[in-house]
Amino acid sequence: MRKLFFCNIGWMNRYEGLKGKPDKIIGGGSYIDENNTGGEVCNFLITDDGYVYGHVETIKKDHDRAIRLESFGGKGDRASGIDVVWT
């Protein structure tokens, strides 16, 4: 059975960025509330290299809650065989 990793992110209609777009980001934390942007505003866009990337923030207040990929069988900054569920 494949491992599941759940990521709670800010909600948008299109995730195509905010600059010059009618979309807004809702939820996702205080940084987004204060700056009206966040790393996830471009989640799910196909990049020039053909890949699709997603961002989930790990910092809460002054605490960085690192994602420990080794718990998913990964090494370094990579892991495979994991299904990511964006909520």
N, C-alpha and C. Protein backbone atom coordinates (compact mmCIF):
# COMPACT_ATOMS: atom_id res chain seq x y z
N MET A 1 0.84 -1.18 0.00
CA MET A 1 0.00 0.00 0.00
C MET A 1 0.89 1.25 0.00
N ARG A 2 0.55 2.21 -0.83
CA ARG A 2 1.32 3.45 -0.91
C ARG A 2 1.05 4.31 0.33
N LYS A 3 2.07 5.07 0.71
CA LYS A 3 1.92 5.97 1.84
C LYS A 3 1.21 7.24 1.39
N LEU A 4 0.44 7.83 2.31
CA LEU A 4 -0.27 9.09 2.05
C LEU A 4 0.34 10.19 2.89
N PHE A 5 0.45 11.37 2.28
CA PHE A 5 0.93 12.55 2.99
C PHE A 5 -0.07 13.67 2.75
N PHE A 6 -0.70 14.15 3.81
CA PHE A 6 -1.74 15.18 3.72
C PHE A 6 -1.11 16.55 3.95
N CYS A 7 -1.40 17.50 3.05
CA CYS A 7 -0.88 18.87 3.14
C CYS A 7 -2.05 19.84 3.18
N ASN A 8 -2.12 20.63 4.23
CA ASN A 8 -3.16 21.64 4.37
C ASN A 8 -2.62 22.96 3.83
N ILE A 9 -3.24 23.48 2.78
CA ILE A 9 -2.76 24.70 2.13
C ILE A 9 -3.89 25.71 1.99
N GLY A 10 -3.53 26.93 1.64
CA GLY A 10 -4.54 27.95 1.35
C GLY A 10 -5.35 27.55 0.13
N TRP A 11 -6.61 27.97 0.09
CA TRP A 11 -7.52 27.57 -0.99
C TRP A 11 -7.61 28.66 -2.04
N MET A 12 -7.56 28.26 -3.32
CA MET A 12 -7.74 29.17 -4.46
C MET A 12 -8.56 28.46 -5.53
N ASN A 13 -9.12 29.22 -6.43
CA ASN A 13 -9.83 28.61 -7.55
C ASN A 13 -8.88 28.01 -8.58
N ARG A 14 -7.79 28.74 -8.90
CA ARG A 14 -6.94 28.32 -10.02
C ARG A 14 -5.47 28.08 -9.68
N TYR A 15 -4.94 28.63 -8.62
CA TYR A 15 -3.52 28.50 -8.27
C TYR A 15 -2.62 28.94 -9.43
N GLU A 16 -2.92 30.07 -10.03
CA GLU A 16 -2.12 30.61 -11.14
C GLU A 16 -1.37 31.86 -10.71
N GLY A 17 -1.16 32.03 -9.44
CA GLY A 17 -0.53 33.23 -8.92
C GLY A 17 -1.57 34.30 -8.64
N LEU A 18 -1.11 35.42 -8.09
CA LEU A 18 -2.03 36.50 -7.72
C LEU A 18 -1.83 37.74 -8.57
N LYS A 19 -0.62 37.97 -9.06
CA LYS A 19 -0.32 39.18 -9.81
C LYS A 19 -1.10 39.22 -11.11
N GLY A 20 -1.96 40.21 -11.25
CA GLY A 20 -2.75 40.37 -12.47
C GLY A 20 -3.84 39.33 -12.64
N LYS A 21 -4.16 38.60 -11.60
CA LYS A 21 -5.18 37.55 -11.66
C LYS A 21 -6.34 37.90 -10.73
N PRO A 22 -7.55 37.45 -11.07
CA PRO A 22 -8.69 37.74 -10.21
C PRO A 22 -8.76 36.82 -8.98
N ASP A 23 -7.93 35.80 -8.93
CA ASP A 23 -7.98 34.81 -7.85
C ASP A 23 -7.46 35.40 -6.54
N LYS A 24 -7.96 34.90 -5.44
CA LYS A 24 -7.49 35.26 -4.10
C LYS A 24 -7.19 33.97 -3.36
N ILE A 25 -6.30 34.06 -2.37
CA ILE A 25 -6.00 32.89 -1.55
C ILE A 25 -6.70 33.06 -0.20
N ILE A 26 -7.31 31.99 0.26
CA ILE A 26 -8.08 32.00 1.51
C ILE A 26 -7.49 30.94 2.43
N GLY A 27 -7.25 31.32 3.66
CA GLY A 27 -6.69 30.37 4.62
C GLY A 27 -5.21 30.17 4.36
N GLY A 28 -4.63 29.25 5.09
CA GLY A 28 -3.23 28.95 4.87
C GLY A 28 -2.30 29.58 5.89
N GLY A 29 -2.80 30.47 6.73
CA GLY A 29 -1.95 30.98 7.80
C GLY A 29 -1.78 32.48 7.83
N SER A 30 -1.07 32.94 8.85
CA SER A 30 -0.93 34.37 9.10
C SER A 30 -0.08 35.06 8.04
N TYR A 31 0.93 34.40 7.49
CA TYR A 31 1.76 35.04 6.46
C TYR A 31 0.89 35.44 5.27
N ILE A 32 0.03 34.56 4.85
CA ILE A 32 -0.86 34.85 3.73
C ILE A 32 -1.82 35.97 4.09
N ASP A 33 -2.35 35.93 5.30
CA ASP A 33 -3.26 36.99 5.75
C ASP A 33 -2.58 38.36 5.73
N GLU A 34 -1.32 38.41 6.15
CA GLU A 34 -0.60 39.67 6.25
C GLU A 34 -0.02 40.15 4.92
N ASN A 35 0.33 39.23 4.02
CA ASN A 35 1.03 39.58 2.79
C ASN A 35 0.24 39.33 1.52
N ASN A 36 -0.93 38.72 1.65
CA ASN A 36 -1.79 38.39 0.50
C ASN A 36 -1.06 37.58 -0.57
N THR A 37 -0.15 36.75 -0.13
CA THR A 37 0.54 35.83 -1.03
C THR A 37 1.11 34.70 -0.19
N GLY A 38 1.60 33.70 -0.83
CA GLY A 38 2.22 32.58 -0.15
C GLY A 38 2.85 31.66 -1.18
N GLY A 39 3.65 30.73 -0.72
CA GLY A 39 4.33 29.82 -1.64
C GLY A 39 3.40 28.97 -2.46
N GLU A 40 2.19 28.74 -1.96
CA GLU A 40 1.27 27.84 -2.66
C GLU A 40 0.43 28.51 -3.74
N VAL A 41 0.61 29.80 -4.00
CA VAL A 41 -0.25 30.48 -4.98
C VAL A 41 -0.05 29.95 -6.40
N CYS A 42 1.04 29.26 -6.65
CA CYS A 42 1.28 28.68 -7.98
C CYS A 42 1.34 27.16 -7.93
N ASN A 43 0.78 26.55 -6.89
CA ASN A 43 0.72 25.09 -6.84
C ASN A 43 0.00 24.55 -8.07
N PHE A 44 0.46 23.43 -8.54
CA PHE A 44 -0.19 22.65 -9.60
C PHE A 44 -0.01 23.22 -11.00
N LEU A 45 0.75 24.29 -11.18
CA LEU A 45 1.03 24.79 -12.54
C LEU A 45 2.10 23.92 -13.18
N ILE A 46 1.93 23.62 -14.44
CA ILE A 46 2.96 22.87 -15.16
C ILE A 46 4.08 23.85 -15.50
N THR A 47 5.30 23.52 -15.11
CA THR A 47 6.44 24.40 -15.33
C THR A 47 7.08 24.13 -16.68
N ASP A 48 8.06 24.96 -17.04
CA ASP A 48 8.74 24.82 -18.33
C ASP A 48 9.42 23.46 -18.47
N ASP A 49 9.83 22.85 -17.36
CA ASP A 49 10.48 21.54 -17.44
C ASP A 49 9.47 20.39 -17.47
N GLY A 50 8.17 20.72 -17.47
CA GLY A 50 7.13 19.71 -17.56
C GLY A 50 6.68 19.14 -16.23
N TYR A 51 7.31 19.55 -15.16
CA TYR A 51 6.94 19.06 -13.84
C TYR A 51 5.86 19.95 -13.22
N VAL A 52 5.17 19.39 -12.25
CA VAL A 52 4.19 20.14 -11.47
C VAL A 52 4.68 20.11 -10.03
N TYR A 53 4.79 21.28 -9.43
CA TYR A 53 5.29 21.38 -8.07
C TYR A 53 4.19 21.86 -7.13
N GLY A 54 4.37 21.56 -5.85
CA GLY A 54 3.45 22.04 -4.84
C GLY A 54 4.22 22.51 -3.62
N HIS A 55 3.70 23.51 -2.95
CA HIS A 55 4.34 24.05 -1.75
C HIS A 55 3.40 23.88 -0.56
N VAL A 56 3.96 23.45 0.53
CA VAL A 56 3.23 23.42 1.80
C VAL A 56 4.14 24.07 2.83
N GLU A 57 3.61 25.01 3.59
CA GLU A 57 4.42 25.73 4.59
C GLU A 57 4.58 24.88 5.84
N THR A 58 5.81 24.81 6.33
CA THR A 58 6.09 24.03 7.54
C THR A 58 6.30 24.90 8.76
N ILE A 59 6.45 26.21 8.57
CA ILE A 59 6.72 27.10 9.69
C ILE A 59 5.40 27.57 10.32
N LYS A 60 5.32 27.43 11.62
CA LYS A 60 4.17 27.93 12.37
C LYS A 60 4.71 28.79 13.50
N LYS A 61 4.41 30.09 13.42
CA LYS A 61 4.98 31.08 14.34
C LYS A 61 6.49 31.02 14.22
N ASP A 62 7.22 30.72 15.30
CA ASP A 62 8.68 30.67 15.26
C ASP A 62 9.22 29.26 15.15
N HIS A 63 8.37 28.29 14.90
CA HIS A 63 8.78 26.89 14.90
C HIS A 63 8.70 26.30 13.50
N ASP A 64 9.82 25.80 12.99
CA ASP A 64 9.84 25.14 11.69
C ASP A 64 9.66 23.64 11.91
N ARG A 65 8.52 23.14 11.47
CA ARG A 65 8.18 21.73 11.63
C ARG A 65 8.60 21.00 10.36
N ALA A 66 9.84 20.59 10.29
CA ALA A 66 10.40 19.99 9.08
C ALA A 66 9.64 18.72 8.69
N ILE A 67 9.49 18.52 7.40
CA ILE A 67 8.92 17.28 6.88
C ILE A 67 10.04 16.26 6.83
N ARG A 68 9.90 15.19 7.55
CA ARG A 68 10.96 14.18 7.65
C ARG A 68 10.72 13.10 6.59
N LEU A 69 11.35 13.30 5.44
CA LEU A 69 11.14 12.37 4.33
C LEU A 69 11.62 10.96 4.63
N GLU A 70 12.56 10.81 5.55
CA GLU A 70 13.03 9.47 5.90
C GLU A 70 11.91 8.62 6.49
N SER A 71 10.91 9.26 7.10
CA SER A 71 9.78 8.49 7.63
C SER A 71 8.90 7.93 6.52
N PHE A 72 9.11 8.42 5.29
CA PHE A 72 8.40 7.91 4.11
C PHE A 72 9.32 7.04 3.25
N GLY A 73 10.50 6.73 3.76
CA GLY A 73 11.45 5.93 3.00
C GLY A 73 12.35 6.75 2.10
N GLY A 74 12.35 8.07 2.26
CA GLY A 74 13.16 8.94 1.43
C GLY A 74 14.56 9.13 1.99
N LYS A 75 15.42 9.73 1.15
CA LYS A 75 16.78 10.08 1.55
C LYS A 75 17.05 11.50 1.09
N GLY A 76 17.66 12.29 1.97
CA GLY A 76 17.95 13.67 1.61
C GLY A 76 16.67 14.45 1.38
N ASP A 77 16.57 15.07 0.19
CA ASP A 77 15.39 15.88 -0.12
C ASP A 77 14.46 15.20 -1.11
N ARG A 78 14.53 13.87 -1.21
CA ARG A 78 13.69 13.15 -2.17
C ARG A 78 13.03 11.92 -1.54
N ALA A 79 11.84 11.62 -2.03
CA ALA A 79 11.13 10.41 -1.65
C ALA A 79 10.24 10.03 -2.82
N SER A 80 9.96 8.76 -2.97
CA SER A 80 9.08 8.32 -4.06
C SER A 80 8.07 7.31 -3.52
N GLY A 81 7.04 7.05 -4.32
CA GLY A 81 6.02 6.10 -3.92
C GLY A 81 5.06 6.64 -2.87
N ILE A 82 4.89 7.97 -2.85
CA ILE A 82 4.02 8.62 -1.88
C ILE A 82 2.93 9.36 -2.64
N ASP A 83 1.70 9.22 -2.20
CA ASP A 83 0.60 10.01 -2.74
C ASP A 83 0.39 11.21 -1.83
N VAL A 84 0.43 12.42 -2.42
CA VAL A 84 0.23 13.65 -1.66
C VAL A 84 -1.22 14.09 -1.85
N VAL A 85 -1.90 14.33 -0.74
CA VAL A 85 -3.28 14.79 -0.75
C VAL A 85 -3.29 16.24 -0.30
N TRP A 86 -3.72 17.14 -1.19
CA TRP A 86 -3.76 18.57 -0.89
C TRP A 86 -5.15 18.91 -0.36
N THR A 87 -5.21 19.44 0.88
CA THR A 87 -6.50 19.78 1.47
C THR A 87 -6.58 21.25 1.79
